[in-house]
Amino acid sequence: MKLGRLNHVGIATPSIDASIAHYRDVLGATVIGEPFDLPAQGVRVCFVDAPNAQIELIEPLGEGSPIAAFLDKNPLGGQHHLCFEVPDIHEAKAWFEGKGARVLGEPRIGAHGTLIFFVHPKDMGGVLTEIMESPKQAH
């Protein structure tokens, strides 16, 4: 398996609106669309464009959200995960599992509308890592 490009850096935030304003007004970044809810993952999400990747702003959708637990430990928010693209999500899952890495759950649809899974930070040098199937290219 060959790891693809860095797609985004996930940033947990207690206020997606405040984070959007910061990236837009302080850093001059372009915000992509409006925030949207992903109830299945317990988060509200918005993407910010950067020249070489995106920033995914993530706010919890209630106390049961995995982001709520992250914010309990990091009240100001912070880097939550890195996301890398792969050409085939099922091949990547099998590859990580074959290396003994703990894959967290089955592939599911992520914020970009493509299949994703996460690899436990203890198996990735301390960094929660999202693996995302690259959007299919038209032939």
N, C-alpha and C. Protein backbone atom coordinates (compact mmCIF):
# COMPACT_ATOMS: atom_id res chain seq x y z
N MET A 1 0.84 -1.18 0.00
CA MET A 1 0.00 0.00 0.00
C MET A 1 0.88 1.24 0.00
N LYS A 2 0.46 2.25 -0.73
CA LYS A 2 1.18 3.52 -0.75
C LYS A 2 0.27 4.61 -0.21
N LEU A 3 0.78 5.32 0.77
CA LEU A 3 0.03 6.41 1.37
C LEU A 3 -0.06 7.57 0.40
N GLY A 4 -1.23 8.15 0.29
CA GLY A 4 -1.44 9.29 -0.60
C GLY A 4 -1.19 10.61 0.10
N ARG A 5 -1.71 11.64 -0.50
CA ARG A 5 -1.46 13.00 0.00
C ARG A 5 -2.19 13.26 1.31
N LEU A 6 -1.66 14.24 2.05
CA LEU A 6 -2.34 14.73 3.24
C LEU A 6 -3.59 15.46 2.76
N ASN A 7 -4.76 14.99 3.17
CA ASN A 7 -6.01 15.62 2.75
C ASN A 7 -6.36 16.77 3.69
N HIS A 8 -6.32 16.50 5.01
CA HIS A 8 -6.66 17.55 5.96
C HIS A 8 -6.08 17.27 7.34
N VAL A 9 -6.06 18.34 8.13
CA VAL A 9 -5.72 18.26 9.55
C VAL A 9 -7.01 18.57 10.30
N GLY A 10 -7.43 17.66 11.17
CA GLY A 10 -8.64 17.86 11.96
C GLY A 10 -8.33 18.65 13.21
N ILE A 11 -9.08 19.73 13.41
CA ILE A 11 -8.91 20.59 14.58
C ILE A 11 -10.21 20.59 15.36
N ALA A 12 -10.14 20.09 16.60
CA ALA A 12 -11.30 20.12 17.49
C ALA A 12 -11.45 21.53 18.05
N THR A 13 -12.69 21.97 18.15
CA THR A 13 -12.95 23.32 18.64
C THR A 13 -14.22 23.34 19.50
N PRO A 14 -14.21 24.13 20.58
CA PRO A 14 -15.44 24.26 21.36
C PRO A 14 -16.47 25.15 20.65
N SER A 15 -16.02 25.96 19.66
CA SER A 15 -16.93 26.84 18.92
C SER A 15 -16.51 26.90 17.46
N ILE A 16 -17.25 26.23 16.62
CA ILE A 16 -16.92 26.23 15.19
C ILE A 16 -17.05 27.63 14.61
N ASP A 17 -18.03 28.40 15.09
CA ASP A 17 -18.21 29.76 14.58
C ASP A 17 -17.01 30.64 14.91
N ALA A 18 -16.50 30.55 16.14
CA ALA A 18 -15.32 31.33 16.53
C ALA A 18 -14.10 30.88 15.73
N SER A 19 -13.97 29.59 15.50
CA SER A 19 -12.82 29.08 14.73
C SER A 19 -12.90 29.53 13.27
N ILE A 20 -14.09 29.51 12.69
CA ILE A 20 -14.26 29.99 11.32
C ILE A 20 -13.83 31.44 11.23
N ALA A 21 -14.29 32.26 12.17
CA ALA A 21 -13.93 33.68 12.18
C ALA A 21 -12.41 33.85 12.30
N HIS A 22 -11.77 33.04 13.14
CA HIS A 22 -10.32 33.14 13.32
C HIS A 22 -9.58 32.81 12.02
N TYR A 23 -9.90 31.69 11.41
CA TYR A 23 -9.22 31.30 10.17
C TYR A 23 -9.48 32.31 9.05
N ARG A 24 -10.71 32.82 8.97
CA ARG A 24 -11.07 33.77 7.92
C ARG A 24 -10.47 35.16 8.18
N ASP A 25 -10.67 35.69 9.39
CA ASP A 25 -10.32 37.08 9.68
C ASP A 25 -8.87 37.29 10.09
N VAL A 26 -8.28 36.32 10.78
CA VAL A 26 -6.89 36.46 11.24
C VAL A 26 -5.91 35.88 10.24
N LEU A 27 -6.23 34.72 9.68
CA LEU A 27 -5.32 34.05 8.76
C LEU A 27 -5.63 34.30 7.28
N GLY A 28 -6.78 34.91 7.00
CA GLY A 28 -7.13 35.20 5.62
C GLY A 28 -7.49 33.97 4.81
N ALA A 29 -7.91 32.91 5.48
CA ALA A 29 -8.23 31.65 4.79
C ALA A 29 -9.63 31.70 4.20
N THR A 30 -9.84 30.85 3.21
CA THR A 30 -11.15 30.71 2.58
C THR A 30 -11.89 29.57 3.26
N VAL A 31 -13.07 29.88 3.76
CA VAL A 31 -13.92 28.87 4.37
C VAL A 31 -14.79 28.27 3.27
N ILE A 32 -14.87 26.94 3.24
CA ILE A 32 -15.61 26.23 2.20
C ILE A 32 -17.02 25.95 2.69
N GLY A 33 -17.99 26.68 2.18
CA GLY A 33 -19.38 26.43 2.53
C GLY A 33 -19.71 26.76 3.97
N GLU A 34 -20.81 26.20 4.41
CA GLU A 34 -21.32 26.41 5.77
C GLU A 34 -21.04 25.16 6.61
N PRO A 35 -20.96 25.33 7.93
CA PRO A 35 -20.83 24.14 8.79
C PRO A 35 -22.03 23.20 8.59
N PHE A 36 -21.76 21.90 8.73
CA PHE A 36 -22.83 20.92 8.59
C PHE A 36 -22.66 19.84 9.64
N ASP A 37 -23.77 19.22 10.01
CA ASP A 37 -23.79 18.18 11.04
C ASP A 37 -23.56 16.81 10.43
N LEU A 38 -22.78 16.00 11.14
CA LEU A 38 -22.62 14.58 10.84
C LEU A 38 -23.09 13.81 12.08
N PRO A 39 -24.40 13.65 12.24
CA PRO A 39 -24.93 13.03 13.45
C PRO A 39 -24.37 11.63 13.74
N ALA A 40 -24.11 10.85 12.69
CA ALA A 40 -23.58 9.49 12.90
C ALA A 40 -22.23 9.52 13.59
N GLN A 41 -21.47 10.60 13.41
CA GLN A 41 -20.17 10.73 14.05
C GLN A 41 -20.20 11.68 15.25
N GLY A 42 -21.36 12.29 15.50
CA GLY A 42 -21.51 13.16 16.65
C GLY A 42 -20.76 14.48 16.54
N VAL A 43 -20.61 15.00 15.31
CA VAL A 43 -19.84 16.22 15.13
C VAL A 43 -20.52 17.18 14.16
N ARG A 44 -20.13 18.43 14.27
CA ARG A 44 -20.46 19.50 13.32
C ARG A 44 -19.13 19.86 12.67
N VAL A 45 -19.11 20.02 11.35
CA VAL A 45 -17.87 20.13 10.59
C VAL A 45 -17.92 21.32 9.64
N CYS A 46 -16.76 21.91 9.40
CA CYS A 46 -16.59 22.91 8.35
C CYS A 46 -15.14 22.82 7.87
N PHE A 47 -14.94 23.02 6.58
CA PHE A 47 -13.60 22.94 6.01
C PHE A 47 -13.07 24.32 5.64
N VAL A 48 -11.77 24.48 5.83
CA VAL A 48 -11.05 25.70 5.50
C VAL A 48 -9.97 25.31 4.50
N ASP A 49 -9.85 26.08 3.43
CA ASP A 49 -8.83 25.79 2.41
C ASP A 49 -7.47 26.36 2.82
N ALA A 50 -6.45 25.58 2.58
CA ALA A 50 -5.06 26.01 2.68
C ALA A 50 -4.42 25.63 1.35
N PRO A 51 -3.29 26.22 1.01
CA PRO A 51 -2.70 25.95 -0.31
C PRO A 51 -2.39 24.48 -0.58
N ASN A 52 -2.04 23.70 0.44
CA ASN A 52 -1.60 22.33 0.20
C ASN A 52 -2.46 21.27 0.88
N ALA A 53 -3.49 21.66 1.59
CA ALA A 53 -4.39 20.72 2.26
C ALA A 53 -5.57 21.53 2.79
N GLN A 54 -6.44 20.88 3.53
CA GLN A 54 -7.55 21.58 4.17
C GLN A 54 -7.43 21.44 5.68
N ILE A 55 -8.12 22.33 6.38
CA ILE A 55 -8.29 22.24 7.82
C ILE A 55 -9.75 21.83 8.02
N GLU A 56 -9.97 20.78 8.81
CA GLU A 56 -11.33 20.36 9.14
C GLU A 56 -11.61 20.82 10.56
N LEU A 57 -12.50 21.78 10.71
CA LEU A 57 -12.91 22.23 12.04
C LEU A 57 -14.02 21.31 12.52
N ILE A 58 -13.88 20.82 13.77
CA ILE A 58 -14.81 19.83 14.29
C ILE A 58 -15.31 20.27 15.67
N GLU A 59 -16.62 20.39 15.79
CA GLU A 59 -17.26 20.76 17.05
C GLU A 59 -18.16 19.60 17.48
N PRO A 60 -18.21 19.30 18.78
CA PRO A 60 -19.08 18.19 19.22
C PRO A 60 -20.55 18.52 19.05
N LEU A 61 -21.33 17.49 18.75
CA LEU A 61 -22.80 17.60 18.71
C LEU A 61 -23.37 17.00 19.98
N GLY A 62 -22.96 17.48 21.13
CA GLY A 62 -23.47 16.97 22.40
C GLY A 62 -22.40 16.24 23.19
N GLU A 63 -22.77 15.88 24.39
CA GLU A 63 -21.83 15.27 25.34
C GLU A 63 -21.36 13.88 24.92
N GLY A 64 -22.14 13.17 24.11
CA GLY A 64 -21.75 11.83 23.68
C GLY A 64 -20.74 11.82 22.54
N SER A 65 -20.41 12.97 22.02
CA SER A 65 -19.48 13.07 20.90
C SER A 65 -18.06 12.73 21.33
N PRO A 66 -17.30 12.01 20.48
CA PRO A 66 -15.90 11.76 20.82
C PRO A 66 -15.10 13.06 20.91
N ILE A 67 -15.55 14.10 20.24
CA ILE A 67 -14.87 15.40 20.32
C ILE A 67 -15.09 16.04 21.68
N ALA A 68 -16.25 15.77 22.31
CA ALA A 68 -16.50 16.30 23.65
C ALA A 68 -15.46 15.77 24.64
N ALA A 69 -15.13 14.50 24.54
CA ALA A 69 -14.11 13.91 25.43
C ALA A 69 -12.75 14.54 25.16
N PHE A 70 -12.43 14.78 23.89
CA PHE A 70 -11.17 15.45 23.54
C PHE A 70 -11.12 16.84 24.15
N LEU A 71 -12.24 17.59 24.06
CA LEU A 71 -12.28 18.95 24.59
C LEU A 71 -12.26 18.98 26.12
N ASP A 72 -12.73 17.91 26.75
CA ASP A 72 -12.61 17.83 28.22
C ASP A 72 -11.14 17.88 28.63
N LYS A 73 -10.29 17.24 27.84
CA LYS A 73 -8.85 17.21 28.13
C LYS A 73 -8.12 18.42 27.55
N ASN A 74 -8.70 19.03 26.51
CA ASN A 74 -8.09 20.17 25.80
C ASN A 74 -9.17 21.24 25.61
N PRO A 75 -9.51 21.98 26.67
CA PRO A 75 -10.66 22.89 26.61
C PRO A 75 -10.60 23.96 25.51
N LEU A 76 -9.42 24.35 25.09
CA LEU A 76 -9.30 25.35 24.03
C LEU A 76 -9.36 24.72 22.63
N GLY A 77 -9.38 23.40 22.57
CA GLY A 77 -9.35 22.70 21.29
C GLY A 77 -7.92 22.38 20.89
N GLY A 78 -7.73 21.97 19.66
CA GLY A 78 -6.40 21.65 19.16
C GLY A 78 -6.43 20.58 18.11
N GLN A 79 -5.22 20.18 17.68
CA GLN A 79 -5.12 19.17 16.63
C GLN A 79 -5.72 17.86 17.13
N HIS A 80 -6.65 17.34 16.36
CA HIS A 80 -7.32 16.10 16.72
C HIS A 80 -6.79 14.92 15.90
N HIS A 81 -6.59 15.12 14.59
CA HIS A 81 -6.12 14.02 13.74
C HIS A 81 -5.52 14.54 12.44
N LEU A 82 -4.80 13.65 11.77
CA LEU A 82 -4.33 13.88 10.40
C LEU A 82 -5.11 12.93 9.50
N CYS A 83 -5.38 13.36 8.28
CA CYS A 83 -6.09 12.50 7.32
C CYS A 83 -5.28 12.36 6.05
N PHE A 84 -5.01 11.11 5.69
CA PHE A 84 -4.28 10.80 4.46
C PHE A 84 -5.19 10.06 3.49
N GLU A 85 -4.99 10.31 2.21
CA GLU A 85 -5.76 9.63 1.17
C GLU A 85 -5.08 8.32 0.77
N VAL A 86 -5.90 7.35 0.41
CA VAL A 86 -5.43 6.08 -0.15
C VAL A 86 -6.33 5.75 -1.34
N PRO A 87 -5.82 4.98 -2.31
CA PRO A 87 -6.65 4.66 -3.48
C PRO A 87 -7.77 3.66 -3.19
N ASP A 88 -7.55 2.74 -2.22
CA ASP A 88 -8.54 1.70 -1.94
C ASP A 88 -8.65 1.52 -0.43
N ILE A 89 -9.78 1.90 0.14
CA ILE A 89 -9.96 1.89 1.59
C ILE A 89 -9.89 0.49 2.18
N HIS A 90 -10.43 -0.50 1.48
CA HIS A 90 -10.45 -1.87 2.02
C HIS A 90 -9.05 -2.48 1.98
N GLU A 91 -8.31 -2.20 0.94
CA GLU A 91 -6.91 -2.65 0.87
C GLU A 91 -6.09 -1.99 1.99
N ALA A 92 -6.33 -0.70 2.22
CA ALA A 92 -5.61 0.01 3.28
C ALA A 92 -5.94 -0.56 4.65
N LYS A 93 -7.21 -0.86 4.90
CA LYS A 93 -7.61 -1.42 6.19
C LYS A 93 -6.91 -2.76 6.42
N ALA A 94 -6.92 -3.61 5.41
CA ALA A 94 -6.26 -4.91 5.53
C ALA A 94 -4.76 -4.73 5.76
N TRP A 95 -4.15 -3.76 5.09
CA TRP A 95 -2.71 -3.51 5.23
C TRP A 95 -2.38 -3.08 6.66
N PHE A 96 -3.14 -2.10 7.20
CA PHE A 96 -2.89 -1.65 8.57
C PHE A 96 -3.10 -2.78 9.57
N GLU A 97 -4.17 -3.55 9.41
CA GLU A 97 -4.43 -4.67 10.31
C GLU A 97 -3.32 -5.71 10.20
N GLY A 98 -2.82 -5.95 8.99
CA GLY A 98 -1.72 -6.88 8.79
C GLY A 98 -0.44 -6.43 9.48
N LYS A 99 -0.30 -5.13 9.68
CA LYS A 99 0.85 -4.57 10.40
C LYS A 99 0.63 -4.55 11.90
N GLY A 100 -0.56 -5.01 12.34
CA GLY A 100 -0.86 -5.05 13.77
C GLY A 100 -1.44 -3.75 14.31
N ALA A 101 -1.78 -2.81 13.44
CA ALA A 101 -2.36 -1.54 13.88
C ALA A 101 -3.84 -1.74 14.22
N ARG A 102 -4.28 -1.03 15.22
CA ARG A 102 -5.69 -1.09 15.62
C ARG A 102 -6.51 -0.13 14.77
N VAL A 103 -7.33 -0.70 13.90
CA VAL A 103 -8.27 0.08 13.10
C VAL A 103 -9.53 0.25 13.93
N LEU A 104 -9.98 1.49 14.05
CA LEU A 104 -11.12 1.82 14.90
C LEU A 104 -12.41 1.76 14.09
N GLY A 105 -13.07 0.61 14.11
CA GLY A 105 -14.33 0.46 13.40
C GLY A 105 -14.16 0.09 11.95
N GLU A 106 -15.29 -0.05 11.30
CA GLU A 106 -15.34 -0.40 9.88
C GLU A 106 -15.34 0.88 9.03
N PRO A 107 -14.94 0.77 7.77
CA PRO A 107 -15.02 1.95 6.90
C PRO A 107 -16.46 2.49 6.86
N ARG A 108 -16.55 3.81 6.91
CA ARG A 108 -17.85 4.48 6.89
C ARG A 108 -17.70 5.79 6.11
N ILE A 109 -18.80 6.39 5.77
CA ILE A 109 -18.79 7.63 5.01
C ILE A 109 -18.37 8.78 5.92
N GLY A 110 -17.36 9.54 5.47
CA GLY A 110 -16.86 10.67 6.23
C GLY A 110 -17.40 11.99 5.70
N ALA A 111 -16.83 13.08 6.18
CA ALA A 111 -17.31 14.43 5.86
C ALA A 111 -17.16 14.79 4.39
N HIS A 112 -16.23 14.17 3.69
CA HIS A 112 -16.06 14.44 2.26
C HIS A 112 -16.94 13.55 1.39
N GLY A 113 -17.73 12.68 2.02
CA GLY A 113 -18.60 11.80 1.26
C GLY A 113 -17.90 10.56 0.74
N THR A 114 -16.68 10.29 1.20
CA THR A 114 -15.95 9.09 0.80
C THR A 114 -15.74 8.20 2.02
N LEU A 115 -15.34 6.96 1.80
CA LEU A 115 -15.13 6.03 2.91
C LEU A 115 -13.87 6.40 3.70
N ILE A 116 -13.99 6.26 5.02
CA ILE A 116 -12.88 6.55 5.93
C ILE A 116 -12.80 5.49 7.03
N PHE A 117 -11.67 5.44 7.70
CA PHE A 117 -11.54 4.77 8.99
C PHE A 117 -10.43 5.47 9.75
N PHE A 118 -10.34 5.20 11.04
CA PHE A 118 -9.29 5.78 11.87
C PHE A 118 -8.38 4.68 12.37
N VAL A 119 -7.11 5.03 12.58
CA VAL A 119 -6.13 4.12 13.16
C VAL A 119 -5.74 4.70 14.52
N HIS A 120 -5.70 3.82 15.52
CA HIS A 120 -5.44 4.22 16.91
C HIS A 120 -4.12 4.98 17.01
N PRO A 121 -4.11 6.09 17.78
CA PRO A 121 -2.88 6.87 17.91
C PRO A 121 -1.70 6.10 18.49
N LYS A 122 -1.97 5.10 19.33
CA LYS A 122 -0.86 4.33 19.91
C LYS A 122 -0.11 3.51 18.85
N ASP A 123 -0.74 3.30 17.70
CA ASP A 123 -0.10 2.57 16.61
C ASP A 123 0.41 3.50 15.51
N MET A 124 0.27 4.82 15.74
CA MET A 124 0.64 5.80 14.72
C MET A 124 1.50 6.92 15.32
N GLY A 125 2.41 6.56 16.21
CA GLY A 125 3.32 7.54 16.79
C GLY A 125 2.63 8.59 17.64
N GLY A 126 1.48 8.25 18.23
CA GLY A 126 0.77 9.18 19.09
C GLY A 126 -0.22 10.09 18.38
N VAL A 127 -0.43 9.87 17.07
CA VAL A 127 -1.33 10.74 16.30
C VAL A 127 -2.52 9.93 15.79
N LEU A 128 -3.73 10.32 16.19
CA LEU A 128 -4.92 9.71 15.60
C LEU A 128 -4.87 9.98 14.10
N THR A 129 -5.01 8.93 13.31
CA THR A 129 -4.85 9.06 11.87
C THR A 129 -6.10 8.56 11.15
N GLU A 130 -6.64 9.44 10.33
CA GLU A 130 -7.79 9.09 9.49
C GLU A 130 -7.26 8.67 8.12
N ILE A 131 -7.79 7.59 7.62
CA ILE A 131 -7.47 7.12 6.28
C ILE A 131 -8.73 7.30 5.45
N MET A 132 -8.59 7.98 4.32
CA MET A 132 -9.73 8.35 3.49
C MET A 132 -9.51 7.85 2.07
N GLU A 133 -10.53 7.21 1.53
CA GLU A 133 -10.43 6.80 0.13
C GLU A 133 -10.45 8.03 -0.76
N SER A 134 -9.49 8.12 -1.65
CA SER A 134 -9.41 9.26 -2.57
C SER A 134 -10.67 9.33 -3.42
N PRO A 135 -11.13 10.54 -3.66
CA PRO A 135 -12.28 10.66 -4.58
C PRO A 135 -11.90 10.04 -5.93
N LYS A 136 -12.83 9.32 -6.51
CA LYS A 136 -12.57 8.63 -7.78
C LYS A 136 -12.35 9.65 -8.90
N GLN A 137 -11.37 9.39 -9.73
CA GLN A 137 -11.09 10.26 -10.87
C GLN A 137 -11.88 9.75 -12.07
N ALA A 138 -12.43 10.68 -12.83
CA ALA A 138 -13.16 10.30 -14.05
C ALA A 138 -12.15 9.84 -15.10
N HIS A 139 -12.47 8.77 -15.80
CA HIS A 139 -11.56 8.23 -16.84
C HIS A 139 -12.02 8.64 -18.21
